[in-house]
């Protein structure tokens, strides 16, 4: 996604900063402009939402977080690491009210902002844990139908994945907390062959070292790619995934209007940078090195 400054630069409508603070983790801004409310961390856009309809105006990639339905037709619980403005949480609450979504967010200030400015509500099916995501998994005894990761922090190269949430050891831990048909969905900022292609290849290869099958979905409105790792060993073609999507829609298990369109974005082969990419481990996670050689605007 475009950095906040770039996004405002192409919009002539006056912007209003409705909230701003600096937490131990982020410089946080909430900005209203042209009927949209935007949350940014350290000048990178995190969440955007329509002021008239909280289910609209979000970034496309967040809809890829509903792809786990393709592997588990009867999801009942989801763990999400990273809250932001709660686009995914609001979507699950609306489209799948019977699914319990537990969110782990390390920054209490982000949780407060999501509740006050982005209609995030805790309930019996929406729960927030203020904790590091990996620590939470290590302490938990639960299994989930899906684990979703959308957690980023800032360094001198812009937004980046926290090292400890991007290693083989982390994915092994996550796999232990997935149910039989469980799926992990991971947002990566990058492109297939240019900007941050190396980090995308490394993340794909690291997940493939733990999960039998890995797929990816690239957004068309931002530089976000969502990787999907499955416990299932069966390799599914794009045609089979589309057939499953049609069945889910016909049975009304999935009601997201754009679900079929999002499914058609699937790529079932590794990204071009896969072969030359490293497997990231707790002892070797050179995320800085993978980012430093590539120039580009912040995108999230």
C-alpha atoms as a PDB file:
ATOM      1  CA  UNK A   1       0.000   0.000   0.000  1.00  0.00           C
ATOM      2  CA  UNK A   2       1.175   3.530  -0.653  1.00  0.00           C
ATOM      3  CA  UNK A   3       2.842   5.419   2.162  1.00  0.00           C
ATOM      4  CA  UNK A   4       0.590   7.933   3.848  1.00  0.00           C
ATOM      5  CA  UNK A   5       2.382  10.944   2.393  1.00  0.00           C
ATOM      6  CA  UNK A   6       2.092   9.601  -1.152  1.00  0.00           C
ATOM      7  CA  UNK A   7      -1.585   8.767  -0.751  1.00  0.00           C
ATOM      8  CA  UNK A   8      -2.433  12.238   0.527  1.00  0.00           C
ATOM      9  CA  UNK A   9      -0.404  13.780  -2.245  1.00  0.00           C
ATOM     10  CA  UNK A  10      -2.749  12.493  -4.980  1.00  0.00           C
ATOM     11  CA  UNK A  11      -5.892  13.601  -3.160  1.00  0.00           C
ATOM     12  CA  UNK A  12      -6.796  17.286  -3.111  1.00  0.00           C
ATOM     13  CA  UNK A  13      -9.445  16.914  -0.412  1.00  0.00           C
ATOM     14  CA  UNK A  14      -8.242  18.471   2.856  1.00  0.00           C
ATOM     15  CA  UNK A  15      -7.101  15.905   5.413  1.00  0.00           C
ATOM     16  CA  UNK A  16      -7.895  16.125   9.105  1.00  0.00           C
ATOM     17  CA  UNK A  17      -5.715  14.460  11.723  1.00  0.00           C
ATOM     18  CA  UNK A  18      -8.246  13.207  14.254  1.00  0.00           C
ATOM     19  CA  UNK A  19      -5.757  11.444  16.525  1.00  0.00           C
ATOM     20  CA  UNK A  20      -1.993  11.210  16.905  1.00  0.00           C
ATOM     21  CA  UNK A  21       0.284   9.633  19.488  1.00  0.00           C
ATOM     22  CA  UNK A  22       3.629   7.906  19.877  1.00  0.00           C
ATOM     23  CA  UNK A  23       3.681   4.549  21.649  1.00  0.00           C
ATOM     24  CA  UNK A  24       6.720   2.425  22.516  1.00  0.00           C
ATOM     25  CA  UNK A  25       6.162   0.632  19.185  1.00  0.00           C
ATOM     26  CA  UNK A  26       4.777   3.159  16.679  1.00  0.00           C
ATOM     27  CA  UNK A  27       4.065   6.733  15.790  1.00  0.00           C
ATOM     28  CA  UNK A  28       0.313   6.408  15.268  1.00  0.00           C
ATOM     29  CA  UNK A  29      -1.911   8.721  13.199  1.00  0.00           C
ATOM     30  CA  UNK A  30      -5.610   8.584  12.390  1.00  0.00           C
ATOM     31  CA  UNK A  31      -6.529  10.777   9.405  1.00  0.00           C
ATOM     32  CA  UNK A  32      -9.914  11.519   7.831  1.00  0.00           C
ATOM     33  CA  UNK A  33      -9.976  12.488   4.165  1.00  0.00           C
ATOM     34  CA  UNK A  34     -12.452  12.182   1.303  1.00  0.00           C
ATOM     35  CA  UNK A  35     -14.861  10.012   3.259  1.00  0.00           C
ATOM     36  CA  UNK A  36     -12.184   7.614   4.460  1.00  0.00           C
ATOM     37  CA  UNK A  37     -10.453   7.103   7.759  1.00  0.00           C
ATOM     38  CA  UNK A  38      -6.848   5.941   7.604  1.00  0.00           C
ATOM     39  CA  UNK A  39      -4.620   4.504  10.300  1.00  0.00           C
ATOM     40  CA  UNK A  40      -0.887   4.836   9.781  1.00  0.00           C
ATOM     41  CA  UNK A  41       2.084   3.530  11.730  1.00  0.00           C
ATOM     42  CA  UNK A  42       5.356   5.418  11.271  1.00  0.00           C
ATOM     43  CA  UNK A  43       4.042   7.088   8.070  1.00  0.00           C
ATOM     44  CA  UNK A  44       3.006   3.766   6.475  1.00  0.00           C
ATOM     45  CA  UNK A  45      -0.689   3.173   5.861  1.00  0.00           C
ATOM     46  CA  UNK A  46      -1.989   0.342   8.007  1.00  0.00           C
ATOM     47  CA  UNK A  47      -5.765   0.431   7.603  1.00  0.00           C
ATOM     48  CA  UNK A  48      -8.285   2.382   5.585  1.00  0.00           C
ATOM     49  CA  UNK A  49     -12.049   2.361   6.182  1.00  0.00           C
ATOM     50  CA  UNK A  50     -15.079   4.107   4.763  1.00  0.00           C
ATOM     51  CA  UNK A  51     -16.594   6.554   7.241  1.00  0.00           C
ATOM     52  CA  UNK A  52     -20.093   5.645   6.085  1.00  0.00           C
ATOM     53  CA  UNK A  53     -19.710   1.851   5.973  1.00  0.00           C
ATOM     54  CA  UNK A  54     -17.039   0.143   8.068  1.00  0.00           C
ATOM     55  CA  UNK A  55     -17.146  -2.944   5.790  1.00  0.00           C
ATOM     56  CA  UNK A  56     -16.006  -0.895   2.801  1.00  0.00           C
ATOM     57  CA  UNK A  57     -12.928   1.100   1.911  1.00  0.00           C
ATOM     58  CA  UNK A  58     -10.474  -1.529   3.170  1.00  0.00           C
ATOM     59  CA  UNK A  59      -7.394  -2.770   1.347  1.00  0.00           C
ATOM     60  CA  UNK A  60      -7.976  -5.702  -0.978  1.00  0.00           C
ATOM     61  CA  UNK A  61      -5.350  -7.954   0.570  1.00  0.00           C
ATOM     62  CA  UNK A  62      -7.336  -8.256   3.802  1.00  0.00           C
ATOM     63  CA  UNK A  63      -9.960 -10.244   1.872  1.00  0.00           C
ATOM     64  CA  UNK A  64      -7.317 -12.908   1.151  1.00  0.00           C
ATOM     65  CA  UNK A  65      -7.455 -13.648   4.883  1.00  0.00           C
ATOM     66  CA  UNK A  66     -10.746 -15.416   4.152  1.00  0.00           C
ATOM     67  CA  UNK A  67      -9.050 -17.945   1.857  1.00  0.00           C
ATOM     68  CA  UNK A  68      -8.616 -20.519   4.695  1.00  0.00           C
ATOM     69  CA  UNK A  69     -12.258 -21.489   4.053  1.00  0.00           C
ATOM     70  CA  UNK A  70     -11.028 -23.248   0.902  1.00  0.00           C
ATOM     71  CA  UNK A  71      -9.249 -25.846   3.048  1.00  0.00           C
ATOM     72  CA  UNK A  72     -11.526 -25.920   6.069  1.00  0.00           C
ATOM     73  CA  UNK A  73     -15.235 -25.715   5.248  1.00  0.00           C
ATOM     74  CA  UNK A  74     -16.288 -25.624   8.892  1.00  0.00           C
ATOM     75  CA  UNK A  75     -14.065 -23.069  10.575  1.00  0.00           C
ATOM     76  CA  UNK A  76     -15.011 -22.182  14.134  1.00  0.00           C
ATOM     77  CA  UNK A  77     -11.982 -20.322  15.481  1.00  0.00           C
ATOM     78  CA  UNK A  78      -9.220 -18.098  14.147  1.00  0.00           C
ATOM     79  CA  UNK A  79      -6.127 -16.555  15.721  1.00  0.00           C
ATOM     80  CA  UNK A  80      -4.873 -13.292  14.240  1.00  0.00           C
ATOM     81  CA  UNK A  81      -1.533 -11.766  15.141  1.00  0.00           C
ATOM     82  CA  UNK A  82      -1.662  -8.010  14.515  1.00  0.00           C
ATOM     83  CA  UNK A  83      -4.741  -5.830  14.955  1.00  0.00           C
ATOM     84  CA  UNK A  84      -4.187  -2.549  13.122  1.00  0.00           C
ATOM     85  CA  UNK A  85      -7.570  -0.989  12.462  1.00  0.00           C
ATOM     86  CA  UNK A  86      -9.353  -4.336  12.585  1.00  0.00           C
ATOM     87  CA  UNK A  87     -10.462  -4.695   8.943  1.00  0.00           C
ATOM     88  CA  UNK A  88     -10.249  -8.485   9.056  1.00  0.00           C
ATOM     89  CA  UNK A  89     -11.890  -8.703  12.467  1.00  0.00           C
ATOM     90  CA  UNK A  90     -14.845  -6.575  11.326  1.00  0.00           C
ATOM     91  CA  UNK A  91     -15.235  -8.726   8.214  1.00  0.00           C
ATOM     92  CA  UNK A  92     -15.277 -11.994  10.147  1.00  0.00           C
ATOM     93  CA  UNK A  93     -17.723 -10.560  12.679  1.00  0.00           C
ATOM     94  CA  UNK A  94     -20.108  -9.571   9.876  1.00  0.00           C
ATOM     95  CA  UNK A  95     -19.778 -12.458   7.414  1.00  0.00           C
ATOM     96  CA  UNK A  96     -19.084 -15.302   9.871  1.00  0.00           C
ATOM     97  CA  UNK A  97     -20.695 -14.363  13.206  1.00  0.00           C
ATOM     98  CA  UNK A  98     -20.249 -17.901  14.544  1.00  0.00           C
ATOM     99  CA  UNK A  99     -16.453 -17.879  14.178  1.00  0.00           C
ATOM    100  CA  UNK A 100     -14.468 -16.880  17.262  1.00  0.00           C
ATOM    101  CA  UNK A 101     -11.573 -14.556  16.374  1.00  0.00           C
ATOM    102  CA  UNK A 102      -8.833 -14.070  18.932  1.00  0.00           C
ATOM    103  CA  UNK A 103      -6.422 -11.244  18.138  1.00  0.00           C
ATOM    104  CA  UNK A 104      -2.962 -10.845  19.621  1.00  0.00           C
ATOM    105  CA  UNK A 105      -1.684  -7.258  19.563  1.00  0.00           C
ATOM    106  CA  UNK A 106       1.544  -6.184  21.231  1.00  0.00           C
ATOM    107  CA  UNK A 107       0.732  -2.458  21.414  1.00  0.00           C
ATOM    108  CA  UNK A 108      -2.029  -1.390  23.855  1.00  0.00           C
ATOM    109  CA  UNK A 109      -2.267   1.970  22.076  1.00  0.00           C
ATOM    110  CA  UNK A 110      -3.230   0.232  18.824  1.00  0.00           C
ATOM    111  CA  UNK A 111      -6.028  -1.647  20.579  1.00  0.00           C
ATOM    112  CA  UNK A 112      -7.354   1.614  22.042  1.00  0.00           C
ATOM    113  CA  UNK A 113      -7.281   3.328  18.644  1.00  0.00           C
ATOM    114  CA  UNK A 114      -9.011   0.390  16.917  1.00  0.00           C
ATOM    115  CA  UNK A 115     -11.823   0.488  19.465  1.00  0.00           C
ATOM    116  CA  UNK A 116     -12.281   4.256  19.492  1.00  0.00           C
ATOM    117  CA  UNK A 117     -11.802   5.115  15.818  1.00  0.00           C
ATOM    118  CA  UNK A 118     -12.338   1.911  13.797  1.00  0.00           C
ATOM    119  CA  UNK A 119     -15.411   0.289  15.355  1.00  0.00           C
ATOM    120  CA  UNK A 120     -13.507  -2.644  16.839  1.00  0.00           C
ATOM    121  CA  UNK A 121     -15.623  -4.223  19.566  1.00  0.00           C
ATOM    122  CA  UNK A 122     -14.693  -7.016  21.916  1.00  0.00           C
ATOM    123  CA  UNK A 123     -17.398  -9.613  22.410  1.00  0.00           C
ATOM    124  CA  UNK A 124     -17.928 -13.332  22.907  1.00  0.00           C
ATOM    125  CA  UNK A 125     -16.540 -13.899  19.401  1.00  0.00           C
ATOM    126  CA  UNK A 126     -13.999 -11.056  19.223  1.00  0.00           C
ATOM    127  CA  UNK A 127     -11.242 -11.082  21.824  1.00  0.00           C
ATOM    128  CA  UNK A 128      -7.994  -9.108  22.089  1.00  0.00           C
ATOM    129  CA  UNK A 129      -4.869 -10.307  23.925  1.00  0.00           C
ATOM    130  CA  UNK A 130      -2.205  -7.663  24.612  1.00  0.00           C
ATOM    131  CA  UNK A 131       0.914  -9.737  24.116  1.00  0.00           C
ATOM    132  CA  UNK A 132       3.649 -10.679  21.679  1.00  0.00           C
ATOM    133  CA  UNK A 133       2.293 -13.143  19.113  1.00  0.00           C
ATOM    134  CA  UNK A 134       5.011 -15.761  19.455  1.00  0.00           C
ATOM    135  CA  UNK A 135       4.897 -15.614  23.252  1.00  0.00           C
ATOM    136  CA  UNK A 136       1.124 -16.087  23.107  1.00  0.00           C
ATOM    137  CA  UNK A 137       1.450 -19.179  20.921  1.00  0.00           C
ATOM    138  CA  UNK A 138       4.140 -20.647  23.134  1.00  0.00           C
ATOM    139  CA  UNK A 139       1.918 -20.279  26.202  1.00  0.00           C
ATOM    140  CA  UNK A 140      -1.297 -21.396  24.519  1.00  0.00           C
ATOM    141  CA  UNK A 141      -2.684 -24.916  24.427  1.00  0.00           C
ATOM    142  CA  UNK A 142      -5.372 -24.118  21.836  1.00  0.00           C
ATOM    143  CA  UNK A 143      -5.638 -25.257  18.249  1.00  0.00           C
ATOM    144  CA  UNK A 144      -7.080 -23.045  15.534  1.00  0.00           C
ATOM    145  CA  UNK A 145      -8.631 -23.585  12.135  1.00  0.00           C
ATOM    146  CA  UNK A 146      -6.611 -20.651  10.827  1.00  0.00           C
ATOM    147  CA  UNK A 147      -3.760 -18.479  12.045  1.00  0.00           C
ATOM    148  CA  UNK A 148      -3.456 -15.105  10.313  1.00  0.00           C
ATOM    149  CA  UNK A 149      -0.428 -12.835  10.535  1.00  0.00           C
ATOM    150  CA  UNK A 150      -0.432  -9.160   9.635  1.00  0.00           C
ATOM    151  CA  UNK A 151       2.149  -7.755  12.040  1.00  0.00           C
ATOM    152  CA  UNK A 152       4.685  -5.148  10.993  1.00  0.00           C
ATOM    153  CA  UNK A 153       7.114  -2.762  12.646  1.00  0.00           C
ATOM    154  CA  UNK A 154       9.327  -0.014  11.201  1.00  0.00           C
ATOM    155  CA  UNK A 155      13.062   0.210  10.610  1.00  0.00           C
ATOM    156  CA  UNK A 156      15.280   2.288   8.317  1.00  0.00           C
ATOM    157  CA  UNK A 157      13.980   0.377   5.299  1.00  0.00           C
ATOM    158  CA  UNK A 158      10.303   1.016   6.078  1.00  0.00           C
ATOM    159  CA  UNK A 159       7.759  -1.522   7.293  1.00  0.00           C
ATOM    160  CA  UNK A 160       9.143  -4.980   7.897  1.00  0.00           C
ATOM    161  CA  UNK A 161       8.149  -8.316   9.371  1.00  0.00           C
ATOM    162  CA  UNK A 162       9.328  -8.821  12.971  1.00  0.00           C
ATOM    163  CA  UNK A 163      12.221 -11.291  12.774  1.00  0.00           C
ATOM    164  CA  UNK A 164      10.871 -13.679  15.390  1.00  0.00           C
ATOM    165  CA  UNK A 165       7.595 -14.076  13.472  1.00  0.00           C
ATOM    166  CA  UNK A 166       9.337 -14.978  10.214  1.00  0.00           C
ATOM    167  CA  UNK A 167      11.472 -18.024  10.983  1.00  0.00           C
ATOM    168  CA  UNK A 168      11.208 -21.768  10.515  1.00  0.00           C
ATOM    169  CA  UNK A 169      11.013 -22.189  14.293  1.00  0.00           C
ATOM    170  CA  UNK A 170       8.058 -19.805  14.465  1.00  0.00           C
ATOM    171  CA  UNK A 171       6.211 -21.672  11.717  1.00  0.00           C
ATOM    172  CA  UNK A 172       6.848 -24.992  13.471  1.00  0.00           C
ATOM    173  CA  UNK A 173       5.277 -23.502  16.588  1.00  0.00           C
ATOM    174  CA  UNK A 174       2.321 -22.188  14.602  1.00  0.00           C
ATOM    175  CA  UNK A 175       1.797 -25.585  12.926  1.00  0.00           C
ATOM    176  CA  UNK A 176       1.436 -27.200  16.349  1.00  0.00           C
ATOM    177  CA  UNK A 177      -1.524 -24.902  17.007  1.00  0.00           C
ATOM    178  CA  UNK A 178      -3.354 -25.646  13.759  1.00  0.00           C
ATOM    179  CA  UNK A 179      -6.232 -28.119  13.604  1.00  0.00           C
ATOM    180  CA  UNK A 180      -6.225 -31.041  11.155  1.00  0.00           C
ATOM    181  CA  UNK A 181      -7.274 -28.929   8.167  1.00  0.00           C
ATOM    182  CA  UNK A 182      -5.616 -25.810   9.540  1.00  0.00           C
ATOM    183  CA  UNK A 183      -4.179 -23.030   7.409  1.00  0.00           C
ATOM    184  CA  UNK A 184      -1.759 -20.191   8.073  1.00  0.00           C
ATOM    185  CA  UNK A 185      -2.168 -16.931   6.141  1.00  0.00           C
ATOM    186  CA  UNK A 186       0.698 -14.439   6.147  1.00  0.00           C
ATOM    187  CA  UNK A 187       0.808 -10.909   4.716  1.00  0.00           C
ATOM    188  CA  UNK A 188       4.133 -10.039   3.071  1.00  0.00           C
ATOM    189  CA  UNK A 189       4.927  -6.631   1.573  1.00  0.00           C
ATOM    190  CA  UNK A 190       6.725  -7.128  -1.717  1.00  0.00           C
ATOM    191  CA  UNK A 191       6.508  -8.010  -5.390  1.00  0.00           C
ATOM    192  CA  UNK A 192       7.192 -11.113  -7.457  1.00  0.00           C
ATOM    193  CA  UNK A 193      10.122  -9.837  -9.476  1.00  0.00           C
ATOM    194  CA  UNK A 194      11.193  -6.393  -8.356  1.00  0.00           C
ATOM    195  CA  UNK A 195      10.737  -4.505  -5.096  1.00  0.00           C
ATOM    196  CA  UNK A 196      11.259  -6.779  -2.074  1.00  0.00           C
ATOM    197  CA  UNK A 197      11.126  -9.895  -4.234  1.00  0.00           C
ATOM    198  CA  UNK A 198      13.874 -11.458  -2.109  1.00  0.00           C
ATOM    199  CA  UNK A 199      11.919 -11.204   1.136  1.00  0.00           C
ATOM    200  CA  UNK A 200       8.866 -12.728  -0.567  1.00  0.00           C
ATOM    201  CA  UNK A 201      10.964 -15.622  -1.848  1.00  0.00           C
ATOM    202  CA  UNK A 202      12.538 -16.176   1.558  1.00  0.00           C
ATOM    203  CA  UNK A 203       9.184 -16.181   3.328  1.00  0.00           C
ATOM    204  CA  UNK A 204       7.731 -18.622   0.787  1.00  0.00           C
ATOM    205  CA  UNK A 205      10.744 -20.951   1.107  1.00  0.00           C
ATOM    206  CA  UNK A 206      10.679 -20.793   4.921  1.00  0.00           C
ATOM    207  CA  UNK A 207       6.990 -21.656   5.032  1.00  0.00           C
ATOM    208  CA  UNK A 208       7.530 -24.451   2.495  1.00  0.00           C
ATOM    209  CA  UNK A 209      10.102 -25.982   4.863  1.00  0.00           C
ATOM    210  CA  UNK A 210       7.283 -26.475   7.395  1.00  0.00           C
ATOM    211  CA  UNK A 211       4.015 -26.706   5.432  1.00  0.00           C
ATOM    212  CA  UNK A 212       3.499 -29.321   2.690  1.00  0.00           C
ATOM    213  CA  UNK A 213       1.772 -26.854   0.374  1.00  0.00           C
ATOM    214  CA  UNK A 214       2.190 -23.091   0.048  1.00  0.00           C
ATOM    215  CA  UNK A 215       0.149 -20.835  -2.248  1.00  0.00           C
ATOM    216  CA  UNK A 216       0.056 -17.079  -2.662  1.00  0.00           C
ATOM    217  CA  UNK A 217      -2.350 -14.313  -3.598  1.00  0.00           C
ATOM    218  CA  UNK A 218      -1.036 -10.941  -4.824  1.00  0.00           C
ATOM    219  CA  UNK A 219      -3.230  -7.873  -4.355  1.00  0.00           C
ATOM    220  CA  UNK A 220      -3.882  -5.669  -7.367  1.00  0.00           C
ATOM    221  CA  UNK A 221      -4.311  -2.426  -5.398  1.00  0.00           C
ATOM    222  CA  UNK A 222      -1.179  -2.601  -3.231  1.00  0.00           C
ATOM    223  CA  UNK A 223       2.195  -4.294  -2.842  1.00  0.00           C
ATOM    224  CA  UNK A 224       0.804  -6.966  -0.544  1.00  0.00           C
ATOM    225  CA  UNK A 225       1.095 -10.696  -1.114  1.00  0.00           C
ATOM    226  CA  UNK A 226      -0.691 -13.148   1.182  1.00  0.00           C
ATOM    227  CA  UNK A 227       1.004 -16.528   1.535  1.00  0.00           C
ATOM    228  CA  UNK A 228      -1.113 -19.546   2.479  1.00  0.00           C
ATOM    229  CA  UNK A 229       0.468 -22.589   4.106  1.00  0.00           C
ATOM    230  CA  UNK A 230      -1.610 -25.737   4.615  1.00  0.00           C
ATOM    231  CA  UNK A 231      -1.276 -28.831   6.785  1.00  0.00           C
ATOM    232  CA  UNK A 232      -2.867 -30.780   3.949  1.00  0.00           C
ATOM    233  CA  UNK A 233      -0.337 -32.535   1.709  1.00  0.00           C
ATOM    234  CA  UNK A 234      -2.648 -32.434  -1.320  1.00  0.00           C
ATOM    235  CA  UNK A 235      -1.621 -29.931  -3.990  1.00  0.00           C
ATOM    236  CA  UNK A 236      -4.726 -28.195  -5.301  1.00  0.00           C
ATOM    237  CA  UNK A 237      -4.938 -26.569  -8.714  1.00  0.00           C
ATOM    238  CA  UNK A 238      -6.494 -23.179  -9.330  1.00  0.00           C
ATOM    239  CA  UNK A 239      -9.455 -24.932 -10.985  1.00  0.00           C
ATOM    240  CA  UNK A 240     -10.116 -27.105  -7.921  1.00  0.00           C
ATOM    241  CA  UNK A 241      -9.889 -24.092  -5.611  1.00  0.00           C
ATOM    242  CA  UNK A 242     -12.424 -22.255  -7.763  1.00  0.00           C
ATOM    243  CA  UNK A 243     -14.773 -25.250  -7.601  1.00  0.00           C
ATOM    244  CA  UNK A 244     -14.471 -25.237  -3.809  1.00  0.00           C
ATOM    245  CA  UNK A 245     -15.169 -21.509  -3.754  1.00  0.00           C
ATOM    246  CA  UNK A 246     -18.333 -21.958  -5.803  1.00  0.00           C
ATOM    247  CA  UNK A 247     -19.537 -24.685  -3.439  1.00  0.00           C
ATOM    248  CA  UNK A 248     -18.869 -22.515  -0.388  1.00  0.00           C
ATOM    249  CA  UNK A 249     -20.799 -19.647  -1.947  1.00  0.00           C
ATOM    250  CA  UNK A 250     -23.720 -21.866  -2.978  1.00  0.00           C
ATOM    251  CA  UNK A 251     -23.916 -23.317   0.551  1.00  0.00           C
ATOM    252  CA  UNK A 252     -23.630 -19.773   1.965  1.00  0.00           C
ATOM    253  CA  UNK A 253     -20.752 -20.779   4.185  1.00  0.00           C
ATOM    254  CA  UNK A 254     -18.906 -17.839   2.644  1.00  0.00           C
ATOM    255  CA  UNK A 255     -20.784 -14.599   1.989  1.00  0.00           C
ATOM    256  CA  UNK A 256     -18.028 -12.133   1.114  1.00  0.00           C
ATOM    257  CA  UNK A 257     -19.241 -10.607  -2.203  1.00  0.00           C
ATOM    258  CA  UNK A 258     -15.784 -10.645  -3.809  1.00  0.00           C
ATOM    259  CA  UNK A 259     -14.771 -14.109  -2.582  1.00  0.00           C
ATOM    260  CA  UNK A 260     -14.715 -15.831  -5.988  1.00  0.00           C
ATOM    261  CA  UNK A 261     -12.805 -12.934  -7.530  1.00  0.00           C
ATOM    262  CA  UNK A 262     -10.189 -13.130  -4.788  1.00  0.00           C
ATOM    263  CA  UNK A 263      -9.838 -16.906  -5.181  1.00  0.00           C
ATOM    264  CA  UNK A 264      -9.052 -16.417  -8.873  1.00  0.00           C
ATOM    265  CA  UNK A 265      -5.904 -14.481  -7.894  1.00  0.00           C
ATOM    266  CA  UNK A 266      -4.272 -17.674  -6.560  1.00  0.00           C
ATOM    267  CA  UNK A 267      -0.807 -18.704  -7.688  1.00  0.00           C
ATOM    268  CA  UNK A 268       0.093 -22.333  -7.068  1.00  0.00           C
ATOM    269  CA  UNK A 269       3.762 -22.187  -8.135  1.00  0.00           C
ATOM    270  CA  UNK A 270       6.657 -20.662  -6.146  1.00  0.00           C
ATOM    271  CA  UNK A 271       7.618 -17.026  -6.813  1.00  0.00           C
ATOM    272  CA  UNK A 272      10.574 -16.508  -9.194  1.00  0.00           C
ATOM    273  CA  UNK A 273      12.974 -15.668  -6.341  1.00  0.00           C
ATOM    274  CA  UNK A 274      12.233 -18.937  -4.509  1.00  0.00           C
ATOM    275  CA  UNK A 275      15.221 -21.037  -5.594  1.00  0.00           C
ATOM    276  CA  UNK A 276      17.910 -18.535  -4.573  1.00  0.00           C
ATOM    277  CA  UNK A 277      16.204 -17.433  -1.360  1.00  0.00           C
ATOM    278  CA  UNK A 278      17.370 -18.522   2.110  1.00  0.00           C
ATOM    279  CA  UNK A 279      15.335 -20.339   4.737  1.00  0.00           C
ATOM    280  CA  UNK A 280      14.970 -17.947   7.663  1.00  0.00           C
ATOM    281  CA  UNK A 281      15.765 -19.396  11.090  1.00  0.00           C
ATOM    282  CA  UNK A 282      16.090 -18.052  14.607  1.00  0.00           C
ATOM    283  CA  UNK A 283      19.862 -18.114  14.113  1.00  0.00           C
ATOM    284  CA  UNK A 284      19.758 -16.743  10.562  1.00  0.00           C
ATOM    285  CA  UNK A 285      17.019 -14.274   9.677  1.00  0.00           C
ATOM    286  CA  UNK A 286      18.702 -11.589   7.533  1.00  0.00           C
ATOM    287  CA  UNK A 287      15.539  -9.582   6.925  1.00  0.00           C
ATOM    288  CA  UNK A 288      17.500  -6.300   6.933  1.00  0.00           C
ATOM    289  CA  UNK A 289      19.828  -7.650   4.265  1.00  0.00           C
ATOM    290  CA  UNK A 290      16.925  -8.744   2.079  1.00  0.00           C
ATOM    291  CA  UNK A 291      15.403  -5.269   2.317  1.00  0.00           C
ATOM    292  CA  UNK A 292      18.496  -3.071   2.115  1.00  0.00           C
ATOM    293  CA  UNK A 293      19.347  -3.624  -1.528  1.00  0.00           C
ATOM    294  CA  UNK A 294      15.929  -2.671  -2.860  1.00  0.00           C
ATOM    295  CA  UNK A 295      14.487   0.831  -3.048  1.00  0.00           C
ATOM    296  CA  UNK A 296      10.817   1.645  -2.881  1.00  0.00           C
ATOM    297  CA  UNK A 297       8.140   3.520  -1.007  1.00  0.00           C
ATOM    298  CA  UNK A 298       6.641   2.075   2.150  1.00  0.00           C
ATOM    299  CA  UNK A 299       3.760  -0.215   1.298  1.00  0.00           C
ATOM    300  CA  UNK A 300       1.260  -1.689   3.641  1.00  0.00           C
END
